[in-house]
C-alpha atoms as a PDB file:
ATOM      1  CA  MET A   1     -63.133 127.029 -25.273  1.00  0.00           C
ATOM      2  CA  LEU A   2     -65.738 128.645 -23.242  1.00  0.00           C
ATOM      3  CA  LEU A   3     -67.015 132.122 -23.005  1.00  0.00           C
ATOM      4  CA  ASN A   4     -66.254 133.812 -19.542  1.00  0.00           C
ATOM      5  CA  SER A   5     -69.236 135.202 -17.570  1.00  0.00           C
ATOM      6  CA  LYS A   6     -68.938 138.534 -19.382  1.00  0.00           C
ATOM      7  CA  GLY A   7     -69.427 136.776 -22.893  1.00  0.00           C
ATOM      8  CA  LYS A   8     -65.762 136.982 -23.897  1.00  0.00           C
ATOM      9  CA  HIS A   9     -64.496 134.307 -26.098  1.00  0.00           C
ATOM     10  CA  ARG A  10     -61.299 133.560 -27.820  1.00  0.00           C
ATOM     11  CA  ARG A  11     -63.050 132.704 -30.941  1.00  0.00           C
ATOM     12  CA  PRO A  12     -66.545 134.331 -30.432  1.00  0.00           C
ATOM     13  CA  SER A  13     -69.332 133.389 -32.891  1.00  0.00           C
ATOM     14  CA  LYS A  14     -71.034 136.061 -35.002  1.00  0.00           C
ATOM     15  CA  ALA A  15     -74.299 135.612 -32.886  1.00  0.00           C
ATOM     16  CA  VAL A  16     -72.297 136.269 -29.764  1.00  0.00           C
ATOM     17  CA  ARG A  17     -70.546 139.349 -31.198  1.00  0.00           C
ATOM     18  CA  ILE A  18     -73.919 140.816 -32.215  1.00  0.00           C
ATOM     19  CA  ALA A  19     -75.551 140.025 -28.904  1.00  0.00           C
ATOM     20  CA  THR A  20     -72.620 141.939 -27.189  1.00  0.00           C
ATOM     21  CA  LEU A  21     -72.785 144.840 -29.257  1.00  0.00           C
ATOM     22  CA  ALA A  22     -76.657 144.987 -28.944  1.00  0.00           C
ATOM     23  CA  GLY A  23     -76.312 144.895 -25.158  1.00  0.00           C
ATOM     24  CA  VAL A  24     -74.966 148.562 -25.513  1.00  0.00           C
ATOM     25  CA  THR A  25     -78.190 149.955 -26.860  1.00  0.00           C
ATOM     26  CA  GLY A  26     -80.434 147.658 -24.783  1.00  0.00           C
ATOM     27  CA  ALA A  27     -81.218 144.287 -23.455  1.00  0.00           C
ATOM     28  CA  ALA A  28     -84.466 143.904 -25.607  1.00  0.00           C
ATOM     29  CA  VAL A  29     -82.430 143.470 -28.700  1.00  0.00           C
ATOM     30  CA  ALA A  30     -80.007 140.885 -27.099  1.00  0.00           C
ATOM     31  CA  VAL A  31     -82.500 138.524 -25.495  1.00  0.00           C
ATOM     32  CA  PRO A  32     -83.925 137.158 -28.890  1.00  0.00           C
ATOM     33  CA  LEU A  33     -80.442 136.671 -30.301  1.00  0.00           C
ATOM     34  CA  MET A  34     -79.463 134.426 -27.226  1.00  0.00           C
ATOM     35  CA  GLY A  35     -82.734 132.363 -27.728  1.00  0.00           C
ATOM     36  CA  ALA A  36     -83.370 132.117 -24.054  1.00  0.00           C
ATOM     37  CA  THR A  37     -87.196 131.894 -24.255  1.00  0.00           C
ATOM     38  CA  THR A  38     -87.099 128.192 -22.921  1.00  0.00           C
ATOM     39  CA  ALA A  39     -84.477 126.219 -21.095  1.00  0.00           C
ATOM     40  CA  SER A  40     -81.678 124.752 -23.291  1.00  0.00           C
ATOM     41  CA  ALA A  41     -80.403 121.154 -23.069  1.00  0.00           C
ATOM     42  CA  ALA A  42     -78.331 118.658 -25.019  1.00  0.00           C
ATOM     43  CA  SER A  43     -77.742 114.930 -24.659  1.00  0.00           C
ATOM     44  CA  VAL A  44     -74.518 113.330 -23.152  1.00  0.00           C
ATOM     45  CA  GLU A  45     -73.609 112.146 -26.478  1.00  0.00           C
ATOM     46  CA  THR A  46     -73.725 115.819 -27.572  1.00  0.00           C
ATOM     47  CA  TRP A  47     -71.462 117.006 -24.717  1.00  0.00           C
ATOM     48  CA  ASP A  48     -69.060 114.116 -25.334  1.00  0.00           C
ATOM     49  CA  ALA A  49     -68.731 115.144 -28.909  1.00  0.00           C
ATOM     50  CA  VAL A  50     -67.931 118.659 -27.718  1.00  0.00           C
ATOM     51  CA  ALA A  51     -65.539 117.575 -25.192  1.00  0.00           C
ATOM     52  CA  GLN A  52     -63.683 115.421 -27.768  1.00  0.00           C
ATOM     53  CA  CYS A  53     -63.164 118.680 -29.837  1.00  0.00           C
ATOM     54  CA  GLU A  54     -62.294 120.798 -26.847  1.00  0.00           C
ATOM     55  CA  SER A  55     -59.849 118.621 -24.837  1.00  0.00           C
ATOM     56  CA  GLY A  56     -59.689 115.408 -26.501  1.00  0.00           C
ATOM     57  CA  GLY A  57     -62.295 114.066 -24.267  1.00  0.00           C
ATOM     58  CA  ASN A  58     -60.159 114.455 -21.104  1.00  0.00           C
ATOM     59  CA  TRP A  59     -62.657 115.605 -18.424  1.00  0.00           C
ATOM     60  CA  SER A  60     -59.900 116.410 -15.944  1.00  0.00           C
ATOM     61  CA  ILE A  61     -57.499 118.145 -18.039  1.00  0.00           C
ATOM     62  CA  ASN A  62     -55.619 121.350 -16.815  1.00  0.00           C
ATOM     63  CA  THR A  63     -53.165 122.347 -19.136  1.00  0.00           C
ATOM     64  CA  GLY A  64     -52.578 125.806 -17.521  1.00  0.00           C
ATOM     65  CA  ASN A  65     -53.995 127.738 -20.212  1.00  0.00           C
ATOM     66  CA  GLY A  66     -56.911 129.260 -17.994  1.00  0.00           C
ATOM     67  CA  TYR A  67     -59.404 126.657 -19.437  1.00  0.00           C
ATOM     68  CA  TYR A  68     -60.344 123.524 -17.372  1.00  0.00           C
ATOM     69  CA  GLY A  69     -62.059 120.269 -17.797  1.00  0.00           C
ATOM     70  CA  GLY A  70     -63.435 118.261 -20.684  1.00  0.00           C
ATOM     71  CA  LEU A  71     -65.697 121.208 -21.834  1.00  0.00           C
ATOM     72  CA  GLN A  72     -62.841 123.674 -21.230  1.00  0.00           C
ATOM     73  CA  PHE A  73     -64.567 126.158 -18.847  1.00  0.00           C
ATOM     74  CA  SER A  74     -62.950 129.497 -17.938  1.00  0.00           C
ATOM     75  CA  GLN A  75     -62.965 129.960 -14.231  1.00  0.00           C
ATOM     76  CA  SER A  76     -65.469 132.762 -14.625  1.00  0.00           C
ATOM     77  CA  SER A  77     -67.919 130.792 -16.767  1.00  0.00           C
ATOM     78  CA  TRP A  78     -67.541 127.764 -14.155  1.00  0.00           C
ATOM     79  CA  ALA A  79     -68.433 130.293 -11.271  1.00  0.00           C
ATOM     80  CA  ALA A  80     -71.167 131.940 -13.286  1.00  0.00           C
ATOM     81  CA  ALA A  81     -72.978 128.815 -14.190  1.00  0.00           C
ATOM     82  CA  GLY A  82     -72.718 127.488 -10.610  1.00  0.00           C
ATOM     83  CA  GLY A  83     -70.013 124.957 -10.960  1.00  0.00           C
ATOM     84  CA  THR A  84     -68.321 126.108  -7.747  1.00  0.00           C
ATOM     85  CA  GLN A  85     -71.030 124.136  -5.792  1.00  0.00           C
ATOM     86  CA  TYR A  86     -69.393 120.943  -7.164  1.00  0.00           C
ATOM     87  CA  ALA A  87     -65.664 121.912  -7.234  1.00  0.00           C
ATOM     88  CA  ALA A  88     -63.257 124.886  -7.103  1.00  0.00           C
ATOM     89  CA  ARG A  89     -62.475 124.407 -10.922  1.00  0.00           C
ATOM     90  CA  ALA A  90     -63.982 122.223 -13.661  1.00  0.00           C
ATOM     91  CA  ASP A  91     -61.119 119.782 -13.994  1.00  0.00           C
ATOM     92  CA  LEU A  92     -61.750 118.985 -10.231  1.00  0.00           C
ATOM     93  CA  ALA A  93     -65.391 118.026 -10.972  1.00  0.00           C
ATOM     94  CA  SER A  94     -66.867 114.765 -12.301  1.00  0.00           C
ATOM     95  CA  LYS A  95     -67.946 114.541 -15.931  1.00  0.00           C
ATOM     96  CA  ASP A  96     -71.674 114.565 -14.891  1.00  0.00           C
ATOM     97  CA  GLN A  97     -71.218 117.699 -12.656  1.00  0.00           C
ATOM     98  CA  GLN A  98     -69.547 119.403 -15.610  1.00  0.00           C
ATOM     99  CA  ILE A  99     -72.361 118.568 -18.171  1.00  0.00           C
ATOM    100  CA  ALA A 100     -74.819 119.966 -15.439  1.00  0.00           C
ATOM    101  CA  THR A 101     -72.887 123.121 -15.272  1.00  0.00           C
ATOM    102  CA  ALA A 102     -72.556 123.457 -18.949  1.00  0.00           C
ATOM    103  CA  GLU A 103     -76.372 122.966 -19.299  1.00  0.00           C
ATOM    104  CA  LYS A 104     -76.751 126.017 -17.216  1.00  0.00           C
ATOM    105  CA  LEU A 105     -74.164 127.853 -19.282  1.00  0.00           C
ATOM    106  CA  LEU A 106     -75.933 126.755 -22.585  1.00  0.00           C
ATOM    107  CA  ASP A 107     -79.269 128.137 -21.202  1.00  0.00           C
ATOM    108  CA  MET A 108     -77.225 131.412 -20.237  1.00  0.00           C
ATOM    109  CA  GLN A 109     -75.257 132.028 -23.209  1.00  0.00           C
ATOM    110  CA  GLY A 110     -76.305 129.489 -26.040  1.00  0.00           C
ATOM    111  CA  PRO A 111     -74.041 127.013 -28.106  1.00  0.00           C
ATOM    112  CA  GLY A 112     -71.709 130.046 -29.067  1.00  0.00           C
ATOM    113  CA  ALA A 113     -70.074 129.841 -25.614  1.00  0.00           C
ATOM    114  CA  TRP A 114     -68.130 126.860 -26.996  1.00  0.00           C
ATOM    115  CA  ALA A 115     -65.716 127.277 -29.952  1.00  0.00           C
ATOM    116  CA  CYS A 116     -66.443 123.504 -30.824  1.00  0.00           C
ATOM    117  CA  ALA A 117     -70.165 123.814 -30.724  1.00  0.00           C
ATOM    118  CA  GLY A 118     -70.427 123.313 -34.441  1.00  0.00           C
ATOM    119  CA  ALA A 119     -67.833 120.443 -34.458  1.00  0.00           C
ATOM    120  CA  GLY A 120     -69.709 118.688 -31.590  1.00  0.00           C
ATOM    121  CA  GLY A 121     -73.131 119.557 -33.085  1.00  0.00           C
ATOM    122  CA  LEU A 122     -74.317 121.251 -30.152  1.00  0.00           C
ATOM    123  CA  THR A 123     -77.628 122.906 -30.368  1.00  0.00           C
ATOM    124  CA  ASP A 124     -80.668 123.654 -28.062  1.00  0.00           C
ATOM    125  CA  ASP A 125     -82.028 120.352 -28.873  1.00  0.00           C
ATOM    126  CA  GLY A 126     -84.026 120.176 -25.424  1.00  0.00           C
ATOM    127  CA  VAL A 127     -82.749 116.687 -24.781  1.00  0.00           C
ATOM    128  CA  ASP A 128     -82.211 116.187 -20.875  1.00  0.00           C
ATOM    129  CA  PRO A 129     -78.775 114.560 -20.442  1.00  0.00           C
ATOM    130  CA  GLY A 130     -80.202 112.930 -17.229  1.00  0.00           C
ATOM    131  CA  VAL A 131     -76.669 113.326 -15.458  1.00  0.00           C
ATOM    132  CA  ASN A 132     -76.077 112.481 -11.730  1.00  0.00           C
ATOM    133  CA  THR A 133     -74.154 115.112 -10.028  1.00  0.00           C
ATOM    134  CA  GLY A 134     -73.917 113.613  -6.710  1.00  0.00           C
ATOM    135  CA  SER A 135     -74.605 115.381  -3.247  1.00  0.00           C
ATOM    136  CA  GLY A 136     -71.365 117.212  -2.859  1.00  0.00           C
ATOM    137  CA  ARG A 137     -68.073 118.380  -4.388  1.00  0.00           C
ATOM    138  CA  SER A 138     -66.173 115.767  -6.311  1.00  0.00           C
ATOM    139  CA  GLN A 139     -62.891 116.536  -4.447  1.00  0.00           C
ATOM    140  CA  GLN A 140     -64.335 115.903  -1.097  1.00  0.00           C
ATOM    141  CA  ALA A 141     -64.266 112.215  -2.157  1.00  0.00           C
ATOM    142  CA  GLN A 142     -60.810 112.474  -3.668  1.00  0.00           C
ATOM    143  CA  PRO A 143     -59.061 112.003  -0.327  1.00  0.00           C
ATOM    144  CA  GLU A 144     -60.646 108.705   0.689  1.00  0.00           C
ATOM    145  CA  ARG A 145     -59.730 107.257  -2.868  1.00  0.00           C
ATOM    146  CA  GLU A 146     -56.246 108.548  -2.422  1.00  0.00           C
ATOM    147  CA  ALA A 147     -56.025 107.142   0.964  1.00  0.00           C
ATOM    148  CA  GLU A 148     -57.215 103.663  -0.490  1.00  0.00           C
ATOM    149  CA  GLN A 149     -54.773 103.609  -3.289  1.00  0.00           C
ATOM    150  CA  PRO A 150     -51.520 103.336  -1.319  1.00  0.00           C
ATOM    151  CA  ALA A 151     -52.798 100.382   0.555  1.00  0.00           C
ATOM    152  CA  THR A 152     -53.891  98.723  -2.707  1.00  0.00           C
ATOM    153  CA  ARG A 153     -50.534  99.376  -4.433  1.00  0.00           C
ATOM    154  CA  SER A 154     -48.662  98.007  -1.195  1.00  0.00           C
ATOM    155  CA  GLU A 155     -50.821  94.701  -1.366  1.00  0.00           C
ATOM    156  CA  GLN A 156     -50.171  94.461  -5.024  1.00  0.00           C
ATOM    157  CA  ARG A 157     -46.289  94.812  -4.446  1.00  0.00           C
ATOM    158  CA  SER A 158     -46.258  92.302  -1.477  1.00  0.00           C
ATOM    159  CA  ALA A 159     -48.033  89.549  -3.107  1.00  0.00           C
ATOM    160  CA  PRO A 160     -45.537  88.957  -5.818  1.00  0.00           C
ATOM    161  CA  GLN A 161     -42.567  89.306  -3.372  1.00  0.00           C
ATOM    162  CA  ALA A 162     -44.279  86.794  -0.917  1.00  0.00           C
ATOM    163  CA  GLU A 163     -44.665  84.591  -3.934  1.00  0.00           C
ATOM    164  CA  LYS A 164     -41.105  84.961  -5.002  1.00  0.00           C
ATOM    165  CA  LYS A 165     -39.886  84.312  -1.329  1.00  0.00           C
ATOM    166  CA  ALA A 166     -41.829  81.204  -1.118  1.00  0.00           C
ATOM    167  CA  GLU A 167     -40.548  79.980  -4.514  1.00  0.00           C
ATOM    168  CA  SER A 168     -36.955  80.590  -3.577  1.00  0.00           C
ATOM    169  CA  LYS A 169     -37.370  78.333  -0.617  1.00  0.00           C
ATOM    170  CA  LYS A 170     -38.563  75.402  -2.987  1.00  0.00           C
ATOM    171  CA  THR A 171     -35.875  75.836  -5.719  1.00  0.00           C
ATOM    172  CA  VAL A 172     -32.086  76.287  -6.221  1.00  0.00           C
ATOM    173  CA  THR A 173     -30.629  77.973  -9.076  1.00  0.00           C
ATOM    174  CA  THR A 174     -28.119  75.940 -11.251  1.00  0.00           C
ATOM    175  CA  PRO A 175     -24.849  77.479 -12.879  1.00  0.00           C
ATOM    176  CA  THR A 176     -26.813  78.078 -16.201  1.00  0.00           C
ATOM    177  CA  GLY A 177     -29.578  80.109 -14.350  1.00  0.00           C
ATOM    178  CA  GLU A 178     -32.106  77.347 -14.500  1.00  0.00           C
ATOM    179  CA  LYS A 179     -34.209  76.806 -11.334  1.00  0.00           C
ATOM    180  CA  VAL A 180     -34.642  73.098 -10.078  1.00  0.00           C
ATOM    181  CA  GLN A 181     -36.559  71.703  -7.293  1.00  0.00           C
ATOM    182  CA  LYS A 182     -34.653  71.863  -3.815  1.00  0.00           C
ATOM    183  CA  GLY A 183     -36.324  69.001  -2.047  1.00  0.00           C
ATOM    184  CA  ASP A 184     -36.525  68.630   1.824  1.00  0.00           C
ATOM    185  CA  GLY A 185     -34.118  65.815   2.435  1.00  0.00           C
ATOM    186  CA  GLU A 186     -31.557  65.538   5.305  1.00  0.00           C
ATOM    187  CA  TYR A 187     -28.527  65.711   3.102  1.00  0.00           C
ATOM    188  CA  LYS A 188     -27.722  69.032   1.538  1.00  0.00           C
ATOM    189  CA  VAL A 189     -25.635  68.612  -1.903  1.00  0.00           C
ATOM    190  CA  LYS A 190     -22.291  70.331  -1.837  1.00  0.00           C
ATOM    191  CA  THR A 191     -20.039  71.396  -4.915  1.00  0.00           C
ATOM    192  CA  GLY A 192     -18.246  68.004  -6.347  1.00  0.00           C
ATOM    193  CA  ASP A 193     -21.010  65.793  -4.929  1.00  0.00           C
ATOM    194  CA  THR A 194     -22.361  62.912  -7.151  1.00  0.00           C
ATOM    195  CA  LEU A 195     -24.973  60.452  -6.259  1.00  0.00           C
ATOM    196  CA  SER A 196     -22.107  57.723  -6.027  1.00  0.00           C
ATOM    197  CA  LYS A 197     -20.032  59.745  -3.641  1.00  0.00           C
ATOM    198  CA  ILE A 198     -22.949  60.580  -1.437  1.00  0.00           C
ATOM    199  CA  ALA A 199     -24.219  57.033  -1.404  1.00  0.00           C
ATOM    200  CA  GLN A 200     -20.692  55.748  -0.472  1.00  0.00           C
ATOM    201  CA  LYS A 201     -20.028  58.532   2.200  1.00  0.00           C
ATOM    202  CA  GLU A 202     -23.415  58.281   3.871  1.00  0.00           C
ATOM    203  CA  GLY A 203     -23.560  54.294   3.599  1.00  0.00           C
ATOM    204  CA  VAL A 204     -26.801  54.249   1.595  1.00  0.00           C
ATOM    205  CA  LYS A 205     -28.075  50.609   1.196  1.00  0.00           C
ATOM    206  CA  GLY A 206     -28.433  50.084  -2.778  1.00  0.00           C
ATOM    207  CA  GLY A 207     -25.910  52.645  -3.669  1.00  0.00           C
ATOM    208  CA  TRP A 208     -26.486  55.545  -6.036  1.00  0.00           C
ATOM    209  CA  SER A 209     -29.371  53.835  -7.615  1.00  0.00           C
ATOM    210  CA  LYS A 210     -31.214  53.714  -4.493  1.00  0.00           C
ATOM    211  CA  LEU A 211     -30.391  57.182  -3.613  1.00  0.00           C
ATOM    212  CA  PHE A 212     -31.700  58.166  -7.280  1.00  0.00           C
ATOM    213  CA  GLU A 213     -34.961  56.148  -6.616  1.00  0.00           C
ATOM    214  CA  LEU A 214     -35.501  57.991  -3.204  1.00  0.00           C
ATOM    215  CA  ASN A 215     -35.011  61.496  -4.798  1.00  0.00           C
ATOM    216  CA  ASP A 216     -36.639  61.114  -8.322  1.00  0.00           C
ATOM    217  CA  ASP A 217     -39.027  63.879  -7.569  1.00  0.00           C
ATOM    218  CA  ILE A 218     -36.185  66.325  -7.581  1.00  0.00           C
ATOM    219  CA  VAL A 219     -33.440  64.701  -9.457  1.00  0.00           C
ATOM    220  CA  LYS A 220     -34.399  64.048 -13.008  1.00  0.00           C
ATOM    221  CA  ASP A 221     -31.043  62.820 -14.271  1.00  0.00           C
ATOM    222  CA  ALA A 222     -28.741  60.668 -12.176  1.00  0.00           C
ATOM    223  CA  ASN A 223     -25.778  62.498 -13.435  1.00  0.00           C
ATOM    224  CA  LEU A 224     -27.003  65.938 -12.535  1.00  0.00           C
ATOM    225  CA  ILE A 225     -27.409  67.081  -9.089  1.00  0.00           C
ATOM    226  CA  PHE A 226     -26.708  70.558  -7.834  1.00  0.00           C
ATOM    227  CA  PRO A 227     -25.400  72.412  -4.740  1.00  0.00           C
ATOM    228  CA  GLY A 228     -28.064  73.339  -2.534  1.00  0.00           C
ATOM    229  CA  GLN A 229     -30.499  70.432  -3.264  1.00  0.00           C
ATOM    230  CA  GLN A 230     -31.555  68.372  -0.236  1.00  0.00           C
ATOM    231  CA  LEU A 231     -31.636  64.691  -0.877  1.00  0.00           C
ATOM    232  CA  HIS A 232     -33.398  61.874   1.341  1.00  0.00           C
ATOM    233  CA  LEU A 233     -30.973  59.050   2.329  1.00  0.00           C
ATOM    234  CA  LYS A 234     -33.635  56.638   3.235  1.00  0.00           C
END
């Protein structure tokens, strides 16, 4: 977890504790301990390793414990390192914006600002992460994304529904739950109908065999027709 802007940390390193005490007698002693003679930097891979230890690699985490984002900034540390130019809290900023802010905090306080510096191999290695922080706060873009999502979800829901509706018009459900082709003929099969009864009742020339031939695209067995199917009579 991160030190706040006053240098406090839940698990401060020895170097940070010494630097804090040295600040009582004079800044001249504290400056060498912070190692701030040149700008500090670390690679994206290093920050990923620190984030994995700090937050399980969740760059938008907010557990309500007072630390935010993948690198677990305290609110005071986030503000002190300029993170509020991107977002009100670290968990609301992008990964690149969090890393850019962490670079500034690393330059200000050194690796000891993170409890997971050792586990993540965080040092002042001078590697520029080359992140792209964008031109504004990340949450400013969120309303647009959130506005797009409902429409997308609606389209995703409506597509299967339309397909099911179209399918229901083409099939009928048998007593066993199986779906068979409905057909588009002029005669609608009723309960108790057989091809023989229909052919006799409707005067189909050629009898049931002709009726079977006319509808062999939907009737696969002459002994099996189902209520709701629509048969051609000629």
